[in-house]
Structures are given as C-alpha cells and as structure tokens.
Amino acid sequence: NAVLGSWKASMNLAEYLNQGIAQEDAMAAEYLSVDSFYLTMVLTFKED
C-alpha cells in the first residue's frame, strides 16, 4: 500500500552518455562531453 501509485524521478545520465561516446570514439569524446542529460522516469505500482 505504501508504494502503490505513480512515482517520478529525474536522473542525470550525462555521465553514461559521455562514457558511451568515449567507448565508441575517444577523439569525439573530447569535443562532445556534456554536463547534464536529465530524463524523468515514471514508476507505477498497481493494485494487481
């Protein structure tokens, strides 16, 4: 009952984006690094 309903979390995934760029192209990573990439996840728990 305590967790039922919808919950939202804003997460900064910039670190993972930067890591992905670096793994594919180290040179590109030097140019395309970002400080923020915020996405909001919606987590919903239902009675069933």
All heavy atoms as atom14 arrays in JSON, in Angstrom:
{
  "sequence": "NAVLGSWKASMNLAEYLNQGIAQEDAMAAEYLSVDSFYLTMVLTFKED",
  "atom14_mask": [
    [1, 1, 1, 1, 1, 1, 1, 1, 0, 0, 0, 0, 0, 0],
    [1, 1, 1, 1, 1, 0, 0, 0, 0, 0, 0, 0, 0, 0],
    [1, 1, 1, 1, 1, 1, 1, 0, 0, 0, 0, 0, 0, 0],
    [1, 1, 1, 1, 1, 1, 1, 1, 0, 0, 0, 0, 0, 0],
    [1, 1, 1, 1, 0, 0, 0, 0, 0, 0, 0, 0, 0, 0],
    [1, 1, 1, 1, 1, 1, 0, 0, 0, 0, 0, 0, 0, 0],
    [1, 1, 1, 1, 1, 1, 1, 1, 1, 1, 1, 1, 1, 1],
    [1, 1, 1, 1, 1, 1, 1, 1, 1, 0, 0, 0, 0, 0],
    [1, 1, 1, 1, 1, 0, 0, 0, 0, 0, 0, 0, 0, 0],
    [1, 1, 1, 1, 1, 1, 0, 0, 0, 0, 0, 0, 0, 0],
    [1, 1, 1, 1, 1, 1, 1, 1, 0, 0, 0, 0, 0, 0],
    [1, 1, 1, 1, 1, 1, 1, 1, 0, 0, 0, 0, 0, 0],
    [1, 1, 1, 1, 1, 1, 1, 1, 0, 0, 0, 0, 0, 0],
    [1, 1, 1, 1, 1, 0, 0, 0, 0, 0, 0, 0, 0, 0],
    [1, 1, 1, 1, 1, 1, 1, 1, 1, 0, 0, 0, 0, 0],
    [1, 1, 1, 1, 1, 1, 1, 1, 1, 1, 1, 1, 0, 0],
    [1, 1, 1, 1, 1, 1, 1, 1, 0, 0, 0, 0, 0, 0],
    [1, 1, 1, 1, 1, 1, 1, 1, 0, 0, 0, 0, 0, 0],
    [1, 1, 1, 1, 1, 1, 1, 1, 1, 0, 0, 0, 0, 0],
    [1, 1, 1, 1, 0, 0, 0, 0, 0, 0, 0, 0, 0, 0],
    [1, 1, 1, 1, 1, 1, 1, 1, 0, 0, 0, 0, 0, 0],
    [1, 1, 1, 1, 1, 0, 0, 0, 0, 0, 0, 0, 0, 0],
    [1, 1, 1, 1, 1, 1, 1, 1, 1, 0, 0, 0, 0, 0],
    [1, 1, 1, 1, 1, 1, 1, 1, 1, 0, 0, 0, 0, 0],
    [1, 1, 1, 1, 1, 1, 1, 1, 0, 0, 0, 0, 0, 0],
    [1, 1, 1, 1, 1, 0, 0, 0, 0, 0, 0, 0, 0, 0],
    [1, 1, 1, 1, 1, 1, 1, 1, 0, 0, 0, 0, 0, 0],
    [1, 1, 1, 1, 1, 0, 0, 0, 0, 0, 0, 0, 0, 0],
    [1, 1, 1, 1, 1, 0, 0, 0, 0, 0, 0, 0, 0, 0],
    [1, 1, 1, 1, 1, 1, 1, 1, 1, 0, 0, 0, 0, 0],
    [1, 1, 1, 1, 1, 1, 1, 1, 1, 1, 1, 1, 0, 0],
    [1, 1, 1, 1, 1, 1, 1, 1, 0, 0, 0, 0, 0, 0],
    [1, 1, 1, 1, 1, 1, 0, 0, 0, 0, 0, 0, 0, 0],
    [1, 1, 1, 1, 1, 1, 1, 0, 0, 0, 0, 0, 0, 0],
    [1, 1, 1, 1, 1, 1, 1, 1, 0, 0, 0, 0, 0, 0],
    [1, 1, 1, 1, 1, 1, 0, 0, 0, 0, 0, 0, 0, 0],
    [1, 1, 1, 1, 1, 1, 1, 1, 1, 1, 1, 0, 0, 0],
    [1, 1, 1, 1, 1, 1, 1, 1, 1, 1, 1, 1, 0, 0],
    [1, 1, 1, 1, 1, 1, 1, 1, 0, 0, 0, 0, 0, 0],
    [1, 1, 1, 1, 1, 1, 1, 0, 0, 0, 0, 0, 0, 0],
    [1, 1, 1, 1, 1, 1, 1, 1, 0, 0, 0, 0, 0, 0],
    [1, 1, 1, 1, 1, 1, 1, 0, 0, 0, 0, 0, 0, 0],
    [1, 1, 1, 1, 1, 1, 1, 1, 0, 0, 0, 0, 0, 0],
    [1, 1, 1, 1, 1, 1, 1, 0, 0, 0, 0, 0, 0, 0],
    [1, 1, 1, 1, 1, 1, 1, 1, 1, 1, 1, 0, 0, 0],
    [1, 1, 1, 1, 1, 1, 1, 1, 1, 0, 0, 0, 0, 0],
    [1, 1, 1, 1, 1, 1, 1, 1, 1, 0, 0, 0, 0, 0],
    [1, 1, 1, 1, 1, 1, 1, 1, 0, 0, 0, 0, 0, 0]
  ],
  "atom14_positions": [
    [[0.82, -1.21, 0.0], [0.0, 0.0, 0.0], [0.86, 1.26, 0.0], [0.49, 2.28, -0.58], [-0.93, 0.0, 1.22], [-2.01, -1.06, 1.12], [-2.37, -1.49, 0.03], [-2.52, -1.49, 2.26], [0.0, 0.0, 0.0], [0.0, 0.0, 0.0], [0.0, 0.0, 0.0], [0.0, 0.0, 0.0], [0.0, 0.0, 0.0], [0.0, 0.0, 0.0]],
    [[2.0, 1.18, 0.66], [2.88, 2.35, 0.77], [3.47, 2.74, -0.57], [3.76, 3.92, -0.81], [3.99, 2.09, 1.77], [0.0, 0.0, 0.0], [0.0, 0.0, 0.0], [0.0, 0.0, 0.0], [0.0, 0.0, 0.0], [0.0, 0.0, 0.0], [0.0, 0.0, 0.0], [0.0, 0.0, 0.0], [0.0, 0.0, 0.0], [0.0, 0.0, 0.0]],
    [[3.67, 1.76, -1.46], [4.31, 2.07, -2.74], [3.33, 2.2, -3.9], [3.73, 2.62, -4.99], [5.38, 1.01, -3.1], [6.44, 0.93, -2.03], [4.75, -0.36, -3.36], [0.0, 0.0, 0.0], [0.0, 0.0, 0.0], [0.0, 0.0, 0.0], [0.0, 0.0, 0.0], [0.0, 0.0, 0.0], [0.0, 0.0, 0.0], [0.0, 0.0, 0.0]],
    [[2.05, 1.86, -3.67], [1.08, 1.93, -4.76], [0.99, 3.35, -5.32], [1.1, 4.34, -4.6], [-0.3, 1.49, -4.27], [-0.5, -0.01, -4.05], [-1.91, -0.28, -3.52], [-0.27, -0.8, -5.33], [0.0, 0.0, 0.0], [0.0, 0.0, 0.0], [0.0, 0.0, 0.0], [0.0, 0.0, 0.0], [0.0, 0.0, 0.0], [0.0, 0.0, 0.0]],
    [[0.78, 3.42, -6.62], [0.66, 4.71, -7.29], [1.82, 4.97, -8.22], [2.64, 4.09, -8.49], [0.0, 0.0, 0.0], [0.0, 0.0, 0.0], [0.0, 0.0, 0.0], [0.0, 0.0, 0.0], [0.0, 0.0, 0.0], [0.0, 0.0, 0.0], [0.0, 0.0, 0.0], [0.0, 0.0, 0.0], [0.0, 0.0, 0.0], [0.0, 0.0, 0.0]],
    [[1.88, 6.19, -8.71], [2.93, 6.57, -9.66], [3.97, 7.45, -8.98], [3.63, 8.33, -8.17], [2.33, 7.33, -10.85], [1.52, 6.48, -11.63], [0.0, 0.0, 0.0], [0.0, 0.0, 0.0], [0.0, 0.0, 0.0], [0.0, 0.0, 0.0], [0.0, 0.0, 0.0], [0.0, 0.0, 0.0], [0.0, 0.0, 0.0], [0.0, 0.0, 0.0]],
    [[5.23, 7.22, -9.33], [6.36, 7.94, -8.77], [7.26, 8.43, -9.89], [7.44, 7.73, -10.88], [7.17, 7.02, -7.84], [6.37, 6.36, -6.76], [5.62, 5.23, -6.88], [6.24, 6.79, -5.41], [5.03, 4.92, -5.69], [5.4, 5.85, -4.75], [6.76, 7.86, -4.67], [5.06, 5.96, -3.41], [6.44, 7.97, -3.32], [5.59, 7.05, -2.71]],
    [[7.83, 9.61, -9.71], [8.71, 10.16, -10.73], [10.08, 10.46, -10.15], [10.21, 10.9, -9.02], [8.12, 11.46, -11.3], [6.87, 11.28, -12.16], [6.46, 12.6, -12.8], [5.29, 12.41, -13.75], [4.92, 13.68, -14.43], [0.0, 0.0, 0.0], [0.0, 0.0, 0.0], [0.0, 0.0, 0.0], [0.0, 0.0, 0.0], [0.0, 0.0, 0.0]],
    [[11.11, 10.2, -10.96], [12.48, 10.52, -10.57], [13.19, 11.15, -11.76], [13.16, 10.61, -12.87], [13.23, 9.28, -10.1], [0.0, 0.0, 0.0], [0.0, 0.0, 0.0], [0.0, 0.0, 0.0], [0.0, 0.0, 0.0], [0.0, 0.0, 0.0], [0.0, 0.0, 0.0], [0.0, 0.0, 0.0], [0.0, 0.0, 0.0], [0.0, 0.0, 0.0]],
    [[13.84, 12.28, -11.53], [14.64, 12.94, -12.56], [16.09, 12.53, -12.36], [16.67, 12.74, -11.29], [14.5, 14.46, -12.45], [15.28, 15.11, -13.44], [0.0, 0.0, 0.0], [0.0, 0.0, 0.0], [0.0, 0.0, 0.0], [0.0, 0.0, 0.0], [0.0, 0.0, 0.0], [0.0, 0.0, 0.0], [0.0, 0.0, 0.0], [0.0, 0.0, 0.0]],
    [[16.69, 11.92, -13.4], [18.04, 11.4, -13.29], [18.95, 12.0, -14.34], [18.58, 12.09, -15.51], [18.01, 9.87, -13.41], [17.33, 9.19, -12.24], [17.12, 7.41, -12.5], [15.84, 7.42, -13.75], [0.0, 0.0, 0.0], [0.0, 0.0, 0.0], [0.0, 0.0, 0.0], [0.0, 0.0, 0.0], [0.0, 0.0, 0.0], [0.0, 0.0, 0.0]],
    [[20.12, 12.42, -13.92], [21.1, 12.98, -14.83], [21.97, 11.85, -15.38], [22.79, 11.28, -14.67], [21.97, 14.01, -14.1], [22.94, 14.72, -15.05], [22.91, 14.51, -16.26], [23.8, 15.56, -14.5], [0.0, 0.0, 0.0], [0.0, 0.0, 0.0], [0.0, 0.0, 0.0], [0.0, 0.0, 0.0], [0.0, 0.0, 0.0], [0.0, 0.0, 0.0]],
    [[21.78, 11.53, -16.64], [22.5, 10.43, -17.28], [23.66, 10.92, -18.14], [24.15, 10.19, -19.0], [21.54, 9.6, -18.13], [20.39, 8.95, -17.36], [19.48, 8.2, -18.32], [20.91, 8.02, -16.29], [0.0, 0.0, 0.0], [0.0, 0.0, 0.0], [0.0, 0.0, 0.0], [0.0, 0.0, 0.0], [0.0, 0.0, 0.0], [0.0, 0.0, 0.0]],
    [[24.12, 12.15, -17.89], [25.22, 12.71, -18.68], [26.47, 11.85, -18.59], [27.18, 11.63, -19.59], [25.53, 14.13, -18.21], [0.0, 0.0, 0.0], [0.0, 0.0, 0.0], [0.0, 0.0, 0.0], [0.0, 0.0, 0.0], [0.0, 0.0, 0.0], [0.0, 0.0, 0.0], [0.0, 0.0, 0.0], [0.0, 0.0, 0.0], [0.0, 0.0, 0.0]],
    [[26.78, 11.35, -17.4], [27.99, 10.54, -17.22], [27.97, 9.31, -18.11], [28.98, 8.95, -18.71], [28.12, 10.12, -15.75], [29.33, 9.25, -15.47], [29.43, 8.83, -14.03], [28.66, 9.36, -13.19], [30.28, 7.96, -13.72], [0.0, 0.0, 0.0], [0.0, 0.0, 0.0], [0.0, 0.0, 0.0], [0.0, 0.0, 0.0], [0.0, 0.0, 0.0]],
    [[26.8, 8.68, -18.21], [26.69, 7.47, -19.02], [26.71, 7.78, -20.51], [27.23, 7.0, -21.31], [25.42, 6.71, -18.62], [25.47, 6.32, -17.17], [24.82, 7.08, -16.21], [26.22, 5.22, -16.76], [24.9, 6.75, -14.87], [26.3, 4.87, -15.43], [25.64, 5.64, -14.49], [25.73, 5.33, -13.16], [0.0, 0.0, 0.0], [0.0, 0.0, 0.0]],
    [[26.15, 8.94, -20.88], [26.23, 9.38, -22.26], [27.68, 9.65, -22.64], [28.15, 9.2, -23.7], [25.39, 10.65, -22.47], [25.46, 11.28, -23.86], [24.96, 10.32, -24.93], [24.65, 12.58, -23.89], [0.0, 0.0, 0.0], [0.0, 0.0, 0.0], [0.0, 0.0, 0.0], [0.0, 0.0, 0.0], [0.0, 0.0, 0.0], [0.0, 0.0, 0.0]],
    [[28.41, 10.34, -21.78], [29.83, 10.64, -22.04], [30.65, 9.35, -22.14], [31.54, 9.22, -22.98], [30.39, 11.54, -20.94], [29.81, 12.95, -21.0], [29.38, 13.41, -22.06], [29.77, 13.62, -19.86], [0.0, 0.0, 0.0], [0.0, 0.0, 0.0], [0.0, 0.0, 0.0], [0.0, 0.0, 0.0], [0.0, 0.0, 0.0], [0.0, 0.0, 0.0]],
    [[30.36, 8.4, -21.26], [31.08, 7.13, -21.3], [30.81, 6.38, -22.6], [31.73, 5.79, -23.19], [30.66, 6.26, -20.1], [31.2, 6.75, -18.77], [30.71, 5.91, -17.61], [29.94, 4.96, -17.79], [31.14, 6.25, -16.41], [0.0, 0.0, 0.0], [0.0, 0.0, 0.0], [0.0, 0.0, 0.0], [0.0, 0.0, 0.0], [0.0, 0.0, 0.0]],
    [[29.56, 6.42, -23.05], [29.23, 5.74, -24.3], [29.93, 6.35, -25.49], [30.42, 5.64, -26.37], [0.0, 0.0, 0.0], [0.0, 0.0, 0.0], [0.0, 0.0, 0.0], [0.0, 0.0, 0.0], [0.0, 0.0, 0.0], [0.0, 0.0, 0.0], [0.0, 0.0, 0.0], [0.0, 0.0, 0.0], [0.0, 0.0, 0.0], [0.0, 0.0, 0.0]],
    [[30.01, 7.68, -25.52], [30.71, 8.36, -26.61], [32.19, 8.0, -26.58], [32.81, 7.7, -27.61], [30.54, 9.89, -26.5], [29.07, 10.26, -26.69], [31.4, 10.6, -27.54], [28.78, 11.73, -26.44], [0.0, 0.0, 0.0], [0.0, 0.0, 0.0], [0.0, 0.0, 0.0], [0.0, 0.0, 0.0], [0.0, 0.0, 0.0], [0.0, 0.0, 0.0]],
    [[32.79, 8.01, -25.38], [34.21, 7.73, -25.24], [34.55, 6.31, -25.67], [35.6, 6.05, -26.26], [34.65, 7.96, -23.79], [0.0, 0.0, 0.0], [0.0, 0.0, 0.0], [0.0, 0.0, 0.0], [0.0, 0.0, 0.0], [0.0, 0.0, 0.0], [0.0, 0.0, 0.0], [0.0, 0.0, 0.0], [0.0, 0.0, 0.0], [0.0, 0.0, 0.0]],
    [[33.66, 5.36, -25.38], [33.91, 3.97, -25.75], [33.88, 3.78, -27.26], [34.6, 2.94, -27.8], [32.86, 3.07, -25.08], [33.06, 2.94, -23.58], [31.91, 2.21, -22.91], [30.97, 1.76, -23.55], [31.98, 2.09, -21.59], [0.0, 0.0, 0.0], [0.0, 0.0, 0.0], [0.0, 0.0, 0.0], [0.0, 0.0, 0.0], [0.0, 0.0, 0.0]],
    [[33.06, 4.57, -27.94], [32.94, 4.42, -29.39], [33.97, 5.26, -30.14], [34.46, 4.86, -31.19], [31.54, 4.81, -29.84], [30.49, 3.79, -29.45], [29.22, 3.94, -30.25], [29.23, 4.66, -31.28], [28.22, 3.35, -29.87], [0.0, 0.0, 0.0], [0.0, 0.0, 0.0], [0.0, 0.0, 0.0], [0.0, 0.0, 0.0], [0.0, 0.0, 0.0]],
    [[34.27, 6.44, -29.61], [35.18, 7.35, -30.32], [35.83, 8.27, -29.29], [35.25, 9.28, -28.89], [34.4, 8.16, -31.36], [35.32, 8.96, -32.29], [36.44, 9.31, -31.87], [34.91, 9.24, -33.43], [0.0, 0.0, 0.0], [0.0, 0.0, 0.0], [0.0, 0.0, 0.0], [0.0, 0.0, 0.0], [0.0, 0.0, 0.0], [0.0, 0.0, 0.0]],
    [[37.06, 7.91, -28.88], [37.75, 8.68, -27.84], [37.99, 10.12, -28.28], [37.92, 11.05, -27.48], [39.07, 8.01, -27.48], [0.0, 0.0, 0.0], [0.0, 0.0, 0.0], [0.0, 0.0, 0.0], [0.0, 0.0, 0.0], [0.0, 0.0, 0.0], [0.0, 0.0, 0.0], [0.0, 0.0, 0.0], [0.0, 0.0, 0.0], [0.0, 0.0, 0.0]],
    [[38.28, 10.31, -29.55], [38.52, 11.66, -30.05], [37.24, 12.5, -29.97], [37.26, 13.65, -29.53], [39.03, 11.63, -31.48], [39.31, 13.01, -32.06], [39.97, 12.94, -33.73], [40.06, 14.69, -34.13], [0.0, 0.0, 0.0], [0.0, 0.0, 0.0], [0.0, 0.0, 0.0], [0.0, 0.0, 0.0], [0.0, 0.0, 0.0], [0.0, 0.0, 0.0]],
    [[36.13, 11.92, -30.39], [34.85, 12.64, -30.35], [34.49, 13.02, -28.92], [33.9, 14.08, -28.68], [33.75, 11.79, -30.98], [0.0, 0.0, 0.0], [0.0, 0.0, 0.0], [0.0, 0.0, 0.0], [0.0, 0.0, 0.0], [0.0, 0.0, 0.0], [0.0, 0.0, 0.0], [0.0, 0.0, 0.0], [0.0, 0.0, 0.0], [0.0, 0.0, 0.0]],
    [[34.84, 12.16, -27.97], [34.52, 12.43, -26.57], [35.15, 13.71, -26.06], [34.62, 14.36, -25.16], [34.95, 11.24, -25.7], [0.0, 0.0, 0.0], [0.0, 0.0, 0.0], [0.0, 0.0, 0.0], [0.0, 0.0, 0.0], [0.0, 0.0, 0.0], [0.0, 0.0, 0.0], [0.0, 0.0, 0.0], [0.0, 0.0, 0.0], [0.0, 0.0, 0.0]],
    [[36.3, 14.07, -26.64], [36.98, 15.3, -26.24], [36.19, 16.54, -26.65], [36.35, 17.61, -26.06], [38.38, 15.36, -26.85], [39.3, 14.23, -26.39], [40.66, 14.3, -27.07], [40.92, 15.32, -27.76], [41.45, 13.36, -26.92], [0.0, 0.0, 0.0], [0.0, 0.0, 0.0], [0.0, 0.0, 0.0], [0.0, 0.0, 0.0], [0.0, 0.0, 0.0]],
    [[35.34, 16.39, -27.64], [34.58, 17.52, -28.17], [33.12, 17.53, -27.69], [32.5, 18.59, -27.62], [34.56, 17.48, -29.7], [35.9, 17.63, -30.36], [36.74, 16.52, -30.53], [36.34, 18.86, -30.84], [37.97, 16.66, -31.16], [37.56, 19.0, -31.47], [38.38, 17.89, -31.62], [39.6, 18.02, -32.24], [0.0, 0.0, 0.0], [0.0, 0.0, 0.0]],
    [[32.58, 16.37, -27.4], [31.13, 16.25, -27.22], [30.7, 15.96, -25.78], [29.58, 15.52, -25.55], [30.59, 15.15, -28.14], [30.92, 15.3, -29.62], [30.34, 14.15, -30.42], [30.43, 16.63, -30.16], [0.0, 0.0, 0.0], [0.0, 0.0, 0.0], [0.0, 0.0, 0.0], [0.0, 0.0, 0.0], [0.0, 0.0, 0.0], [0.0, 0.0, 0.0]],
    [[31.56, 16.2, -24.83], [31.21, 15.96, -23.43], [30.1, 16.9, -22.98], [30.07, 18.08, -23.35], [32.45, 16.16, -22.55], [32.12, 15.99, -21.19], [0.0, 0.0, 0.0], [0.0, 0.0, 0.0], [0.0, 0.0, 0.0], [0.0, 0.0, 0.0], [0.0, 0.0, 0.0], [0.0, 0.0, 0.0], [0.0, 0.0, 0.0], [0.0, 0.0, 0.0]],
    [[29.16, 16.36, -22.19], [28.04, 17.17, -21.68], [27.98, 17.06, -20.16], [28.46, 16.09, -19.57], [26.7, 16.73, -22.28], [26.7, 16.93, -23.79], [26.4, 15.27, -21.94], [0.0, 0.0, 0.0], [0.0, 0.0, 0.0], [0.0, 0.0, 0.0], [0.0, 0.0, 0.0], [0.0, 0.0, 0.0], [0.0, 0.0, 0.0], [0.0, 0.0, 0.0]],
    [[27.41, 18.08, -19.53], [27.3, 18.1, -18.07], [25.95, 17.62, -17.57], [25.83, 17.19, -16.42], [27.54, 19.53, -17.53], [28.96, 20.01, -17.79], [29.89, 19.19, -17.71], [29.11, 21.22, -18.09], [0.0, 0.0, 0.0], [0.0, 0.0, 0.0], [0.0, 0.0, 0.0], [0.0, 0.0, 0.0], [0.0, 0.0, 0.0], [0.0, 0.0, 0.0]],
    [[24.95, 17.7, -18.43], [23.62, 17.29, -17.98], [22.83, 16.63, -19.1], [22.91, 17.05, -20.26], [22.84, 18.49, -17.43], [22.6, 19.44, -18.45], [0.0, 0.0, 0.0], [0.0, 0.0, 0.0], [0.0, 0.0, 0.0], [0.0, 0.0, 0.0], [0.0, 0.0, 0.0], [0.0, 0.0, 0.0], [0.0, 0.0, 0.0], [0.0, 0.0, 0.0]],
    [[22.11, 15.59, -18.73], [21.17, 14.94, -19.64], [20.08, 14.32, -18.75], [20.14, 13.16, -18.39], [21.86, 13.89, -20.5], [20.99, 13.36, -21.61], [20.77, 14.11, -22.76], [20.37, 12.12, -21.5], [19.97, 13.64, -23.77], [19.57, 11.64, -22.52], [19.37, 12.39, -23.67], [0.0, 0.0, 0.0], [0.0, 0.0, 0.0], [0.0, 0.0, 0.0]],
    [[19.13, 15.15, -18.37], [18.12, 14.74, -17.39], [16.92, 14.09, -18.06], [16.32, 14.66, -18.98], [17.65, 15.94, -16.58], [18.63, 16.37, -15.52], [19.57, 17.37, -15.77], [18.62, 15.78, -14.25], [20.48, 17.76, -14.79], [19.53, 16.17, -13.27], [20.45, 17.15, -13.55], [21.35, 17.53, -12.59], [0.0, 0.0, 0.0], [0.0, 0.0, 0.0]],
    [[16.58, 12.9, -17.6], [15.39, 12.2, -18.04], [14.55, 11.87, -16.82], [15.08, 11.58, -15.74], [15.77, 10.92, -18.78], [16.57, 11.08, -20.07], [16.93, 9.71, -20.65], [15.82, 11.91, -21.09], [0.0, 0.0, 0.0], [0.0, 0.0, 0.0], [0.0, 0.0, 0.0], [0.0, 0.0, 0.0], [0.0, 0.0, 0.0], [0.0, 0.0, 0.0]],
    [[13.23, 11.91, -16.99], [12.31, 11.61, -15.9], [11.71, 10.23, -16.09], [11.04, 9.97, -17.09], [11.19, 12.66, -15.8], [11.77, 13.94, -15.55], [10.23, 12.32, -14.67], [0.0, 0.0, 0.0], [0.0, 0.0, 0.0], [0.0, 0.0, 0.0], [0.0, 0.0, 0.0], [0.0, 0.0, 0.0], [0.0, 0.0, 0.0], [0.0, 0.0, 0.0]],
    [[11.94, 9.35, -15.12], [11.36, 8.02, -15.14], [10.08, 8.02, -14.32], [10.02, 8.6, -13.23], [12.34, 7.0, -14.55], [11.76, 5.59, -14.47], [12.89, 4.42, -13.66], [14.09, 4.19, -14.96], [0.0, 0.0, 0.0], [0.0, 0.0, 0.0], [0.0, 0.0, 0.0], [0.0, 0.0, 0.0], [0.0, 0.0, 0.0], [0.0, 0.0, 0.0]],
    [[9.04, 7.38, -14.85], [7.76, 7.26, -14.15], [7.56, 5.79, -13.79], [7.48, 4.93, -14.67], [6.58, 7.75, -15.01], [5.29, 7.66, -14.22], [6.82, 9.19, -15.47], [0.0, 0.0, 0.0], [0.0, 0.0, 0.0], [0.0, 0.0, 0.0], [0.0, 0.0, 0.0], [0.0, 0.0, 0.0], [0.0, 0.0, 0.0], [0.0, 0.0, 0.0]],
    [[7.5, 5.51, -12.51], [7.38, 4.16, -11.98], [6.01, 4.02, -11.34], [5.67, 4.78, -10.43], [8.49, 3.93, -10.95], [8.55, 2.62, -10.17], [8.71, 1.43, -11.1], [9.7, 2.67, -9.17], [0.0, 0.0, 0.0], [0.0, 0.0, 0.0], [0.0, 0.0, 0.0], [0.0, 0.0, 0.0], [0.0, 0.0, 0.0], [0.0, 0.0, 0.0]],
    [[5.17, 3.1, -11.83], [3.81, 2.95, -11.33], [3.57, 1.54, -10.8], [3.81, 0.55, -11.51], [2.78, 3.25, -12.45], [2.99, 4.58, -12.94], [1.36, 3.13, -11.92], [0.0, 0.0, 0.0], [0.0, 0.0, 0.0], [0.0, 0.0, 0.0], [0.0, 0.0, 0.0], [0.0, 0.0, 0.0], [0.0, 0.0, 0.0], [0.0, 0.0, 0.0]],
    [[3.12, 1.46, -9.55], [2.78, 0.19, -8.92], [1.26, 0.1, -8.79], [0.62, 1.03, -8.31], [3.42, 0.08, -7.54], [4.92, 0.17, -7.57], [5.58, 1.27, -7.05], [5.68, -0.84, -8.14], [6.97, 1.35, -7.08], [7.06, -0.77, -8.19], [7.7, 0.33, -7.66], [0.0, 0.0, 0.0], [0.0, 0.0, 0.0], [0.0, 0.0, 0.0]],
    [[0.71, -1.05, -9.23], [-0.75, -1.19, -9.31], [-1.27, -2.21, -8.29], [-0.53, -3.04, -7.77], [-1.14, -1.63, -10.73], [-0.65, -0.67, -11.81], [-1.0, -1.18, -13.2], [-0.45, -0.24, -14.28], [-0.77, -0.72, -15.65], [0.0, 0.0, 0.0], [0.0, 0.0, 0.0], [0.0, 0.0, 0.0], [0.0, 0.0, 0.0], [0.0, 0.0, 0.0]],
    [[-2.58, -2.12, -8.03], [-3.23, -3.0, -7.06], [-3.09, -4.47, -7.41], [-3.09, -5.33, -6.52], [-4.72, -2.65, -6.96], [-5.02, -1.35, -6.24], [-5.03, -1.52, -4.72], [-4.74, -2.64, -4.26], [-5.29, -0.53, -4.03], [0.0, 0.0, 0.0], [0.0, 0.0, 0.0], [0.0, 0.0, 0.0], [0.0, 0.0, 0.0], [0.0, 0.0, 0.0]],
    [[-3.0, -4.78, -8.69], [-2.93, -6.19, -9.13], [-1.52, -6.75, -9.07], [-1.22, -7.78, -9.67], [-3.51, -6.35, -10.53], [-2.73, -5.56, -11.59], [-1.76, -4.86, -11.21], [-3.08, -5.67, -12.78], [0.0, 0.0, 0.0], [0.0, 0.0, 0.0], [0.0, 0.0, 0.0], [0.0, 0.0, 0.0], [0.0, 0.0, 0.0], [0.0, 0.0, 0.0]]
  ]
}
